[in-house]
Amino acid sequence: MVKRKSVSSRQEKRVLASALYTTPISEKQRRELKRLAARPDSQIDFSDAPERQPRASDVQVGRFYRPIKQLVSLRVDADVLHWFRGRGKKYQTYMNEVLRREMQTNERGR
């Protein structure tokens, strides 16, 4: 009996969100949107619509949503960099977490 080698599944190709959500709509969809836009607000049923969209701070990063990393060049003071590097091998991840916390804190204040 021949033993098969374990093969991992092919990695899925990432597709930009802009490519998914910028497809042109059909003429039928365009007519339907115009018809709905002409309706007065009093005739629209909002009972199944959510109260609001979740803020970015409400999104659980790492559970279902993984933001795409972007390479940047950043100048920081030498002592700040030394302090972050002193935190260990994953100091860049920690820097990202600190920046994300600051972003979420400022979002709430708006």
PDB file of N, CA and C in Angstrom:
ATOM      1  N   MET A   1       0.848  -1.178   0.000  1.00  0.00           N
ATOM      2  CA  MET A   1       0.000   0.000   0.000  1.00  0.00           C
ATOM      3  C   MET A   1       0.892   1.238   0.000  1.00  0.00           C
ATOM      4  N   VAL A   2       0.605   2.160  -0.913  1.00  0.00           N
ATOM      5  CA  VAL A   2       1.398   3.373  -1.045  1.00  0.00           C
ATOM      6  C   VAL A   2       0.821   4.438  -0.115  1.00  0.00           C
ATOM      7  N   LYS A   3       1.702   5.027   0.652  1.00  0.00           N
ATOM      8  CA  LYS A   3       1.276   6.074   1.568  1.00  0.00           C
ATOM      9  C   LYS A   3       1.325   7.416   0.836  1.00  0.00           C
ATOM     10  N   ARG A   4       0.229   8.145   0.895  1.00  0.00           N
ATOM     11  CA  ARG A   4       0.182   9.446   0.242  1.00  0.00           C
ATOM     12  C   ARG A   4       0.855  10.499   1.108  1.00  0.00           C
ATOM     13  N   LYS A   5       1.474  11.433   0.436  1.00  0.00           N
ATOM     14  CA  LYS A   5       2.068  12.556   1.149  1.00  0.00           C
ATOM     15  C   LYS A   5       0.972  13.541   1.527  1.00  0.00           C
ATOM     16  N   SER A   6       1.138  14.157   2.658  1.00  0.00           N
ATOM     17  CA  SER A   6       0.181  15.162   3.089  1.00  0.00           C
ATOM     18  C   SER A   6       0.372  16.416   2.242  1.00  0.00           C
ATOM     19  N   VAL A   7      -0.705  16.906   1.700  1.00  0.00           N
ATOM     20  CA  VAL A   7      -0.641  18.091   0.855  1.00  0.00           C
ATOM     21  C   VAL A   7      -1.559  19.150   1.451  1.00  0.00           C
ATOM     22  N   SER A   8      -1.017  20.330   1.666  1.00  0.00           N
ATOM     23  CA  SER A   8      -1.860  21.405   2.193  1.00  0.00           C
ATOM     24  C   SER A   8      -2.667  22.008   1.052  1.00  0.00           C
ATOM     25  N   SER A   9      -3.780  22.607   1.399  1.00  0.00           N
ATOM     26  CA  SER A   9      -4.620  23.206   0.379  1.00  0.00           C
ATOM     27  C   SER A   9      -3.964  24.469  -0.173  1.00  0.00           C
ATOM     28  N   ARG A  10      -4.301  24.770  -1.404  1.00  0.00           N
ATOM     29  CA  ARG A  10      -3.742  25.932  -2.074  1.00  0.00           C
ATOM     30  C   ARG A  10      -4.187  27.206  -1.363  1.00  0.00           C
ATOM     31  N   GLN A  11      -3.279  28.144  -1.210  1.00  0.00           N
ATOM     32  CA  GLN A  11      -3.617  29.400  -0.542  1.00  0.00           C
ATOM     33  C   GLN A  11      -4.517  30.232  -1.435  1.00  0.00           C
ATOM     34  N   GLU A  12      -5.552  30.773  -0.822  1.00  0.00           N
ATOM     35  CA  GLU A  12      -6.517  31.567  -1.571  1.00  0.00           C
ATOM     36  C   GLU A  12      -5.911  32.908  -1.963  1.00  0.00           C
ATOM     37  N   LYS A  13      -6.164  33.314  -3.190  1.00  0.00           N
ATOM     38  CA  LYS A  13      -5.647  34.590  -3.674  1.00  0.00           C
ATOM     39  C   LYS A  13      -6.474  35.724  -3.084  1.00  0.00           C
ATOM     40  N   ARG A  14      -5.805  36.740  -2.549  1.00  0.00           N
ATOM     41  CA  ARG A  14      -6.508  37.881  -1.974  1.00  0.00           C
ATOM     42  C   ARG A  14      -7.028  38.778  -3.083  1.00  0.00           C
ATOM     43  N   VAL A  15      -8.243  39.252  -2.881  1.00  0.00           N
ATOM     44  CA  VAL A  15      -8.875  40.149  -3.833  1.00  0.00           C
ATOM     45  C   VAL A  15      -9.169  41.452  -3.096  1.00  0.00           C
ATOM     46  N   LEU A  16      -8.812  42.559  -3.691  1.00  0.00           N
ATOM     47  CA  LEU A  16      -9.077  43.853  -3.076  1.00  0.00           C
ATOM     48  C   LEU A  16     -10.580  44.099  -2.983  1.00  0.00           C
ATOM     49  N   ALA A  17     -11.012  44.711  -1.884  1.00  0.00           N
ATOM     50  CA  ALA A  17     -12.428  45.014  -1.710  1.00  0.00           C
ATOM     51  C   ALA A  17     -12.923  45.940  -2.809  1.00  0.00           C
ATOM     52  N   SER A  18     -12.065  46.844  -3.267  1.00  0.00           N
ATOM     53  CA  SER A  18     -12.474  47.764  -4.325  1.00  0.00           C
ATOM     54  C   SER A  18     -12.827  47.015  -5.608  1.00  0.00           C
ATOM     55  N   ALA A  19     -12.178  45.889  -5.843  1.00  0.00           N
ATOM     56  CA  ALA A  19     -12.488  45.100  -7.039  1.00  0.00           C
ATOM     57  C   ALA A  19     -13.832  44.393  -6.897  1.00  0.00           C
ATOM     58  N   LEU A  20     -14.193  44.030  -5.665  1.00  0.00           N
ATOM     59  CA  LEU A  20     -15.457  43.341  -5.436  1.00  0.00           C
ATOM     60  C   LEU A  20     -16.658  44.281  -5.499  1.00  0.00           C
ATOM     61  N   TYR A  21     -16.475  45.499  -5.006  1.00  0.00           N
ATOM     62  CA  TYR A  21     -17.614  46.393  -4.844  1.00  0.00           C
ATOM     63  C   TYR A  21     -17.697  47.484  -5.894  1.00  0.00           C
ATOM     64  N   THR A  22     -16.943  47.392  -6.947  1.00  0.00           N
ATOM     65  CA  THR A  22     -17.019  48.407  -7.991  1.00  0.00           C
ATOM     66  C   THR A  22     -17.482  47.832  -9.319  1.00  0.00           C
ATOM     67  N   THR A  23     -18.127  46.673  -9.271  1.00  0.00           N
ATOM     68  CA  THR A  23     -18.640  46.101 -10.508  1.00  0.00           C
ATOM     69  C   THR A  23     -19.842  46.926 -10.965  1.00  0.00           C
ATOM     70  N   PRO A  24     -19.949  47.200 -12.239  1.00  0.00           N
ATOM     71  CA  PRO A  24     -21.053  48.024 -12.731  1.00  0.00           C
ATOM     72  C   PRO A  24     -22.390  47.303 -12.546  1.00  0.00           C
ATOM     73  N   ILE A  25     -23.446  48.077 -12.290  1.00  0.00           N
ATOM     74  CA  ILE A  25     -24.770  47.483 -12.112  1.00  0.00           C
ATOM     75  C   ILE A  25     -25.474  47.399 -13.462  1.00  0.00           C
ATOM     76  N   SER A  26     -26.418  46.477 -13.529  1.00  0.00           N
ATOM     77  CA  SER A  26     -27.144  46.288 -14.786  1.00  0.00           C
ATOM     78  C   SER A  26     -28.180  47.393 -14.964  1.00  0.00           C
ATOM     79  N   GLU A  27     -28.729  47.479 -16.144  1.00  0.00           N
ATOM     80  CA  GLU A  27     -29.756  48.486 -16.435  1.00  0.00           C
ATOM     81  C   GLU A  27     -31.012  48.204 -15.613  1.00  0.00           C
ATOM     82  N   LYS A  28     -31.326  46.931 -15.410  1.00  0.00           N
ATOM     83  CA  LYS A  28     -32.490  46.553 -14.597  1.00  0.00           C
ATOM     84  C   LYS A  28     -32.289  47.019 -13.148  1.00  0.00           C
ATOM     85  N   GLN A  29     -31.089  46.803 -12.610  1.00  0.00           N
ATOM     86  CA  GLN A  29     -30.788  47.243 -11.242  1.00  0.00           C
ATOM     87  C   GLN A  29     -30.842  48.772 -11.141  1.00  0.00           C
ATOM     88  N   ARG A  30     -30.378  49.457 -12.166  1.00  0.00           N
ATOM     89  CA  ARG A  30     -30.395  50.917 -12.187  1.00  0.00           C
ATOM     90  C   ARG A  30     -31.842  51.439 -12.152  1.00  0.00           C
ATOM     91  N   ARG A  31     -32.745  50.812 -12.938  1.00  0.00           N
ATOM     92  CA  ARG A  31     -34.161  51.210 -12.953  1.00  0.00           C
ATOM     93  C   ARG A  31     -34.800  50.977 -11.583  1.00  0.00           C
ATOM     94  N   GLU A  32     -34.478  49.838 -10.958  1.00  0.00           N
ATOM     95  CA  GLU A  32     -35.015  49.513  -9.633  1.00  0.00           C
ATOM     96  C   GLU A  32     -34.557  50.535  -8.589  1.00  0.00           C
ATOM     97  N   LEU A  33     -33.301  50.933  -8.648  1.00  0.00           N
ATOM     98  CA  LEU A  33     -32.784  51.936  -7.714  1.00  0.00           C
ATOM     99  C   LEU A  33     -33.463  53.287  -7.907  1.00  0.00           C
ATOM    100  N   LYS A  34     -33.689  53.669  -9.154  1.00  0.00           N
ATOM    101  CA  LYS A  34     -34.385  54.933  -9.431  1.00  0.00           C
ATOM    102  C   LYS A  34     -35.818  54.892  -8.916  1.00  0.00           C
ATOM    103  N   ARG A  35     -36.483  53.745  -9.100  1.00  0.00           N
ATOM    104  CA  ARG A  35     -37.862  53.585  -8.621  1.00  0.00           C
ATOM    105  C   ARG A  35     -37.909  53.705  -7.100  1.00  0.00           C
ATOM    106  N   LEU A  36     -36.979  53.075  -6.414  1.00  0.00           N
ATOM    107  CA  LEU A  36     -36.936  53.142  -4.954  1.00  0.00           C
ATOM    108  C   LEU A  36     -36.579  54.539  -4.464  1.00  0.00           C
ATOM    109  N   ALA A  37     -35.694  55.227  -5.174  1.00  0.00           N
ATOM    110  CA  ALA A  37     -35.296  56.580  -4.772  1.00  0.00           C
ATOM    111  C   ALA A  37     -36.453  57.561  -4.892  1.00  0.00           C
ATOM    112  N   ALA A  38     -37.381  57.281  -5.792  1.00  0.00           N
ATOM    113  CA  ALA A  38     -38.519  58.173  -5.987  1.00  0.00           C
ATOM    114  C   ALA A  38     -39.569  58.011  -4.894  1.00  0.00           C
ATOM    115  N   ARG A  39     -39.527  56.924  -4.147  1.00  0.00           N
ATOM    116  CA  ARG A  39     -40.494  56.689  -3.065  1.00  0.00           C
ATOM    117  C   ARG A  39     -40.283  57.667  -1.916  1.00  0.00           C
ATOM    118  N   PRO A  40     -41.361  58.141  -1.307  1.00  0.00           N
ATOM    119  CA  PRO A  40     -41.192  58.973  -0.110  1.00  0.00           C
ATOM    120  C   PRO A  40     -40.735  58.102   1.075  1.00  0.00           C
ATOM    121  N   ASP A  41     -40.026  58.717   2.016  1.00  0.00           N
ATOM    122  CA  ASP A  41     -39.502  57.982   3.167  1.00  0.00           C
ATOM    123  C   ASP A  41     -40.599  57.307   3.983  1.00  0.00           C
ATOM    124  N   SER A  42     -41.785  57.881   3.999  1.00  0.00           N
ATOM    125  CA  SER A  42     -42.885  57.318   4.790  1.00  0.00           C
ATOM    126  C   SER A  42     -43.334  55.948   4.269  1.00  0.00           C
ATOM    127  N   GLN A  43     -43.032  55.616   3.020  1.00  0.00           N
ATOM    128  CA  GLN A  43     -43.427  54.332   2.436  1.00  0.00           C
ATOM    129  C   GLN A  43     -42.335  53.274   2.545  1.00  0.00           C
ATOM    130  N   ILE A  44     -41.199  53.623   3.108  1.00  0.00           N
ATOM    131  CA  ILE A  44     -40.090  52.667   3.206  1.00  0.00           C
ATOM    132  C   ILE A  44     -40.158  51.957   4.551  1.00  0.00           C
ATOM    133  N   ASP A  45     -40.079  50.634   4.520  1.00  0.00           N
ATOM    134  CA  ASP A  45     -40.120  49.821   5.737  1.00  0.00           C
ATOM    135  C   ASP A  45     -38.695  49.632   6.252  1.00  0.00           C
ATOM    136  N   PHE A  46     -38.392  50.229   7.400  1.00  0.00           N
ATOM    137  CA  PHE A  46     -37.065  50.137   8.002  1.00  0.00           C
ATOM    138  C   PHE A  46     -36.996  49.098   9.116  1.00  0.00           C
ATOM    139  N   SER A  47     -38.038  48.281   9.291  1.00  0.00           N
ATOM    140  CA  SER A  47     -38.104  47.367  10.427  1.00  0.00           C
ATOM    141  C   SER A  47     -36.975  46.332  10.437  1.00  0.00           C
ATOM    142  N   ASP A  48     -36.511  45.923   9.266  1.00  0.00           N
ATOM    143  CA  ASP A  48     -35.443  44.924   9.234  1.00  0.00           C
ATOM    144  C   ASP A  48     -34.054  45.535   9.064  1.00  0.00           C
ATOM    145  N   ALA A  49     -33.965  46.861   9.034  1.00  0.00           N
ATOM    146  CA  ALA A  49     -32.679  47.536   8.871  1.00  0.00           C
ATOM    147  C   ALA A  49     -31.986  47.649  10.232  1.00  0.00           C
ATOM    148  N   PRO A  50     -30.678  47.460  10.270  1.00  0.00           N
ATOM    149  CA  PRO A  50     -29.971  47.621  11.545  1.00  0.00           C
ATOM    150  C   PRO A  50     -29.995  49.077  11.998  1.00  0.00           C
ATOM    151  N   GLU A  51     -29.868  49.268  13.310  1.00  0.00           N
ATOM    152  CA  GLU A  51     -29.896  50.613  13.886  1.00  0.00           C
ATOM    153  C   GLU A  51     -28.772  51.484  13.320  1.00  0.00           C
ATOM    154  N   ARG A  52     -27.561  50.938  13.270  1.00  0.00           N
ATOM    155  CA  ARG A  52     -26.401  51.690  12.788  1.00  0.00           C
ATOM    156  C   ARG A  52     -25.347  50.707  12.310  1.00  0.00           C
ATOM    157  N   GLN A  53     -24.388  51.224  11.580  1.00  0.00           N
ATOM    158  CA  GLN A  53     -23.242  50.424  11.170  1.00  0.00           C
ATOM    159  C   GLN A  53     -22.247  50.377  12.323  1.00  0.00           C
ATOM    160  N   PRO A  54     -21.587  49.252  12.528  1.00  0.00           N
ATOM    161  CA  PRO A  54     -20.602  49.205  13.620  1.00  0.00           C
ATOM    162  C   PRO A  54     -19.419  50.116  13.325  1.00  0.00           C
ATOM    163  N   ARG A  55     -18.945  50.795  14.372  1.00  0.00           N
ATOM    164  CA  ARG A  55     -17.748  51.617  14.227  1.00  0.00           C
ATOM    165  C   ARG A  55     -16.547  50.699  14.073  1.00  0.00           C
ATOM    166  N   ALA A  56     -15.458  51.255  13.571  1.00  0.00           N
ATOM    167  CA  ALA A  56     -14.239  50.461  13.407  1.00  0.00           C
ATOM    168  C   ALA A  56     -13.769  49.904  14.743  1.00  0.00           C
ATOM    169  N   SER A  57     -14.041  50.624  15.832  1.00  0.00           N
ATOM    170  CA  SER A  57     -13.612  50.158  17.150  1.00  0.00           C
ATOM    171  C   SER A  57     -14.431  48.958  17.625  1.00  0.00           C
ATOM    172  N   ASP A  58     -15.615  48.728  17.021  1.00  0.00           N
ATOM    173  CA  ASP A  58     -16.450  47.591  17.396  1.00  0.00           C
ATOM    174  C   ASP A  58     -16.026  46.299  16.709  1.00  0.00           C
ATOM    175  N   VAL A  59     -15.246  46.396  15.673  1.00  0.00           N
ATOM    176  CA  VAL A  59     -14.826  45.227  14.910  1.00  0.00           C
ATOM    177  C   VAL A  59     -13.776  44.460  15.701  1.00  0.00           C
ATOM    178  N   GLN A  60     -13.955  43.155  15.789  1.00  0.00           N
ATOM    179  CA  GLN A  60     -12.998  42.324  16.507  1.00  0.00           C
ATOM    180  C   GLN A  60     -11.882  41.937  15.546  1.00  0.00           C
ATOM    181  N   VAL A  61     -10.770  42.606  15.673  1.00  0.00           N
ATOM    182  CA  VAL A  61      -9.638  42.352  14.788  1.00  0.00           C
ATOM    183  C   VAL A  61      -9.048  40.989  15.134  1.00  0.00           C
ATOM    184  N   GLY A  62      -8.810  40.182  14.125  1.00  0.00           N
ATOM    185  CA  GLY A  62      -8.196  38.884  14.320  1.00  0.00           C
ATOM    186  C   GLY A  62      -9.181  37.750  14.430  1.00  0.00           C
ATOM    187  N   ARG A  63     -10.446  38.024  14.743  1.00  0.00           N
ATOM    188  CA  ARG A  63     -11.415  36.948  14.852  1.00  0.00           C
ATOM    189  C   ARG A  63     -12.008  36.639  13.483  1.00  0.00           C
ATOM    190  N   PHE A  64     -12.661  37.624  12.885  1.00  0.00           N
ATOM    191  CA  PHE A  64     -13.208  37.437  11.548  1.00  0.00           C
ATOM    192  C   PHE A  64     -12.570  38.383  10.554  1.00  0.00           C
ATOM    193  N   TYR A  65     -12.029  39.464  11.050  1.00  0.00           N
ATOM    194  CA  TYR A  65     -11.483  40.514  10.185  1.00  0.00           C
ATOM    195  C   TYR A  65      -9.978  40.591  10.366  1.00  0.00           C
ATOM    196  N   ARG A  66      -9.248  40.445   9.297  1.00  0.00           N
ATOM    197  CA  ARG A  66      -7.799  40.593   9.340  1.00  0.00           C
ATOM    198  C   ARG A  66      -7.413  41.678   8.351  1.00  0.00           C
ATOM    199  N   PRO A  67      -7.030  42.859   8.876  1.00  0.00           N
ATOM    200  CA  PRO A  67      -6.660  43.929   7.958  1.00  0.00           C
ATOM    201  C   PRO A  67      -5.410  43.571   7.165  1.00  0.00           C
ATOM    202  N   ILE A  68      -5.364  44.039   5.951  1.00  0.00           N
ATOM    203  CA  ILE A  68      -4.193  43.801   5.103  1.00  0.00           C
ATOM    204  C   ILE A  68      -3.088  44.739   5.556  1.00  0.00           C
ATOM    205  N   LYS A  69      -1.921  44.187   5.760  1.00  0.00           N
ATOM    206  CA  LYS A  69      -0.778  44.990   6.203  1.00  0.00           C
ATOM    207  C   LYS A  69      -0.221  45.761   5.014  1.00  0.00           C
ATOM    208  N   GLN A  70       0.279  46.939   5.305  1.00  0.00           N
ATOM    209  CA  GLN A  70       0.868  47.782   4.268  1.00  0.00           C
ATOM    210  C   GLN A  70       2.257  48.207   4.722  1.00  0.00           C
ATOM    211  N   LEU A  71       3.228  48.034   3.857  1.00  0.00           N
ATOM    212  CA  LEU A  71       4.601  48.393   4.167  1.00  0.00           C
ATOM    213  C   LEU A  71       4.761  49.909   4.097  1.00  0.00           C
ATOM    214  N   VAL A  72       5.311  50.494   5.172  1.00  0.00           N
ATOM    215  CA  VAL A  72       5.548  51.930   5.209  1.00  0.00           C
ATOM    216  C   VAL A  72       6.948  52.199   5.740  1.00  0.00           C
ATOM    217  N   SER A  73       7.443  53.369   5.425  1.00  0.00           N
ATOM    218  CA  SER A  73       8.702  53.825   5.987  1.00  0.00           C
ATOM    219  C   SER A  73       8.346  54.908   6.986  1.00  0.00           C
ATOM    220  N   LEU A  74       8.825  54.754   8.207  1.00  0.00           N
ATOM    221  CA  LEU A  74       8.425  55.648   9.273  1.00  0.00           C
ATOM    222  C   LEU A  74       9.638  56.095  10.059  1.00  0.00           C
ATOM    223  N   ARG A  75       9.749  57.379  10.298  1.00  0.00           N
ATOM    224  CA  ARG A  75      10.855  57.903  11.104  1.00  0.00           C
ATOM    225  C   ARG A  75      10.357  58.139  12.519  1.00  0.00           C
ATOM    226  N   VAL A  76      11.041  57.505  13.475  1.00  0.00           N
ATOM    227  CA  VAL A  76      10.710  57.699  14.882  1.00  0.00           C
ATOM    228  C   VAL A  76      11.993  58.044  15.629  1.00  0.00           C
ATOM    229  N   ASP A  77      11.840  58.640  16.789  1.00  0.00           N
ATOM    230  CA  ASP A  77      13.003  58.965  17.603  1.00  0.00           C
ATOM    231  C   ASP A  77      13.728  57.682  17.997  1.00  0.00           C
ATOM    232  N   ALA A  78      15.058  57.768  18.080  1.00  0.00           N
ATOM    233  CA  ALA A  78      15.886  56.594  18.376  1.00  0.00           C
ATOM    234  C   ALA A  78      15.518  55.965  19.714  1.00  0.00           C
ATOM    235  N   ASP A  79      15.235  56.796  20.719  1.00  0.00           N
ATOM    236  CA  ASP A  79      14.910  56.233  22.030  1.00  0.00           C
ATOM    237  C   ASP A  79      13.557  55.521  22.023  1.00  0.00           C
ATOM    238  N   VAL A  80      12.617  56.013  21.214  1.00  0.00           N
ATOM    239  CA  VAL A  80      11.311  55.359  21.100  1.00  0.00           C
ATOM    240  C   VAL A  80      11.483  53.995  20.431  1.00  0.00           C
ATOM    241  N   LEU A  81      12.231  53.954  19.346  1.00  0.00           N
ATOM    242  CA  LEU A  81      12.488  52.698  18.652  1.00  0.00           C
ATOM    243  C   LEU A  81      13.205  51.708  19.561  1.00  0.00           C
ATOM    244  N   HIS A  82      14.188  52.179  20.314  1.00  0.00           N
ATOM    245  CA  HIS A  82      14.935  51.327  21.243  1.00  0.00           C
ATOM    246  C   HIS A  82      13.988  50.723  22.287  1.00  0.00           C
ATOM    247  N   TRP A  83      13.043  51.545  22.772  1.00  0.00           N
ATOM    248  CA  TRP A  83      12.097  51.063  23.768  1.00  0.00           C
ATOM    249  C   TRP A  83      11.202  49.967  23.191  1.00  0.00           C
ATOM    250  N   PHE A  84      10.684  50.188  21.966  1.00  0.00           N
ATOM    251  CA  PHE A  84       9.836  49.177  21.334  1.00  0.00           C
ATOM    252  C   PHE A  84      10.624  47.903  21.048  1.00  0.00           C
ATOM    253  N   ARG A  85      11.846  48.041  20.539  1.00  0.00           N
ATOM    254  CA  ARG A  85      12.663  46.860  20.256  1.00  0.00           C
ATOM    255  C   ARG A  85      12.988  46.084  21.522  1.00  0.00           C
ATOM    256  N   GLY A  86      13.063  46.784  22.644  1.00  0.00           N
ATOM    257  CA  GLY A  86      13.317  46.131  23.921  1.00  0.00           C
ATOM    258  C   GLY A  86      12.171  45.235  24.364  1.00  0.00           C
ATOM    259  N   ARG A  87      11.011  45.373  23.722  1.00  0.00           N
ATOM    260  CA  ARG A  87       9.843  44.555  24.060  1.00  0.00           C
ATOM    261  C   ARG A  87       9.949  43.149  23.490  1.00  0.00           C
ATOM    262  N   GLY A  88      10.894  42.926  22.574  1.00  0.00           N
ATOM    263  CA  GLY A  88      11.057  41.584  22.024  1.00  0.00           C
ATOM    264  C   GLY A  88      10.985  41.546  20.522  1.00  0.00           C
ATOM    265  N   LYS A  89      10.962  40.301  20.017  1.00  0.00           N
ATOM    266  CA  LYS A  89      11.023  40.070  18.580  1.00  0.00           C
ATOM    267  C   LYS A  89       9.854  40.692  17.814  1.00  0.00           C
ATOM    268  N   LYS A  90       8.676  40.684  18.387  1.00  0.00           N
ATOM    269  CA  LYS A  90       7.486  41.173  17.675  1.00  0.00           C
ATOM    270  C   LYS A  90       7.189  42.629  18.029  1.00  0.00           C
ATOM    271  N   TYR A  91       8.220  43.449  18.063  1.00  0.00           N
ATOM    272  CA  TYR A  91       8.033  44.841  18.456  1.00  0.00           C
ATOM    273  C   TYR A  91       7.183  45.608  17.439  1.00  0.00           C
ATOM    274  N   GLN A  92       7.249  45.237  16.157  1.00  0.00           N
ATOM    275  CA  GLN A  92       6.450  45.938  15.147  1.00  0.00           C
ATOM    276  C   GLN A  92       4.965  45.647  15.344  1.00  0.00           C
ATOM    277  N   THR A  93       4.642  44.422  15.720  1.00  0.00           N
ATOM    278  CA  THR A  93       3.260  44.069  16.017  1.00  0.00           C
ATOM    279  C   THR A  93       2.768  44.882  17.206  1.00  0.00           C
ATOM    280  N   TYR A  94       3.627  45.021  18.213  1.00  0.00           N
ATOM    281  CA  TYR A  94       3.259  45.807  19.387  1.00  0.00           C
ATOM    282  C   TYR A  94       3.064  47.283  19.014  1.00  0.00           C
ATOM    283  N   MET A  95       3.912  47.810  18.148  1.00  0.00           N
ATOM    284  CA  MET A  95       3.759  49.196  17.691  1.00  0.00           C
ATOM    285  C   MET A  95       2.405  49.371  17.002  1.00  0.00           C
ATOM    286  N   ASN A  96       2.019  48.391  16.195  1.00  0.00           N
ATOM    287  CA  ASN A  96       0.740  48.437  15.496  1.00  0.00           C
ATOM    288  C   ASN A  96      -0.419  48.427  16.500  1.00  0.00           C
ATOM    289  N   GLU A  97      -0.309  47.601  17.544  1.00  0.00           N
ATOM    290  CA  GLU A  97      -1.352  47.534  18.561  1.00  0.00           C
ATOM    291  C   GLU A  97      -1.491  48.872  19.290  1.00  0.00           C
ATOM    292  N   VAL A  98      -0.362  49.507  19.607  1.00  0.00           N
ATOM    293  CA  VAL A  98      -0.390  50.808  20.278  1.00  0.00           C
ATOM    294  C   VAL A  98      -1.064  51.848  19.384  1.00  0.00           C
ATOM    295  N   LEU A  99      -0.711  51.857  18.100  1.00  0.00           N
ATOM    296  CA  LEU A  99      -1.318  52.805  17.165  1.00  0.00           C
ATOM    297  C   LEU A  99      -2.815  52.537  16.993  1.00  0.00           C
ATOM    298  N   ARG A 100      -3.215  51.257  16.955  1.00  0.00           N
ATOM    299  CA  ARG A 100      -4.631  50.916  16.823  1.00  0.00           C
ATOM    300  C   ARG A 100      -5.413  51.387  18.049  1.00  0.00           C
ATOM    301  N   ARG A 101      -4.861  51.174  19.251  1.00  0.00           N
ATOM    302  CA  ARG A 101      -5.534  51.644  20.467  1.00  0.00           C
ATOM    303  C   ARG A 101      -5.731  53.157  20.432  1.00  0.00           C
ATOM    304  N   GLU A 102      -4.703  53.872  19.992  1.00  0.00           N
ATOM    305  CA  GLU A 102      -4.793  55.333  19.896  1.00  0.00           C
ATOM    306  C   GLU A 102      -5.868  55.732  18.882  1.00  0.00           C
ATOM    307  N   MET A 103      -5.922  55.038  17.753  1.00  0.00           N
ATOM    308  CA  MET A 103      -6.921  55.317  16.726  1.00  0.00           C
ATOM    309  C   MET A 103      -8.329  55.096  17.285  1.00  0.00           C
ATOM    310  N   GLN A 104      -8.546  53.990  17.990  1.00  0.00           N
ATOM    311  CA  GLN A 104      -9.864  53.686  18.538  1.00  0.00           C
ATOM    312  C   GLN A 104     -10.256  54.672  19.633  1.00  0.00           C
ATOM    313  N   THR A 105      -9.300  55.106  20.430  1.00  0.00           N
ATOM    314  CA  THR A 105      -9.583  56.078  21.484  1.00  0.00           C
ATOM    315  C   THR A 105     -10.030  57.394  20.876  1.00  0.00           C
ATOM    316  N   ASN A 106      -9.363  57.831  19.836  1.00  0.00           N
ATOM    317  CA  ASN A 106      -9.729  59.097  19.190  1.00  0.00           C
ATOM    318  C   ASN A 106     -11.025  59.000  18.416  1.00  0.00           C
ATOM    319  N   GLU A 107     -11.394  57.815  17.930  1.00  0.00           N
ATOM    320  CA  GLU A 107     -12.652  57.625  17.232  1.00  0.00           C
ATOM    321  C   GLU A 107     -13.817  57.833  18.176  1.00  0.00           C
ATOM    322  N   ARG A 108     -13.674  57.342  19.393  1.00  0.00           N
ATOM    323  CA  ARG A 108     -14.760  57.463  20.374  1.00  0.00           C
ATOM    324  C   ARG A 108     -15.000  58.901  20.764  1.00  0.00           C
ATOM    325  N   GLY A 109     -13.941  59.702  20.735  1.00  0.00           N
ATOM    326  CA  GLY A 109     -14.037  61.102  21.144  1.00  0.00           C
ATOM    327  C   GLY A 109     -14.697  61.997  20.122  1.00  0.00           C
ATOM    328  N   ARG A 110     -14.853  61.518  18.908  1.00  0.00           N
ATOM    329  CA  ARG A 110     -15.435  62.337  17.829  1.00  0.00           C
ATOM    330  C   ARG A 110     -16.896  62.570  17.999  1.00  0.00           C
TER     331      ARG A 110
END
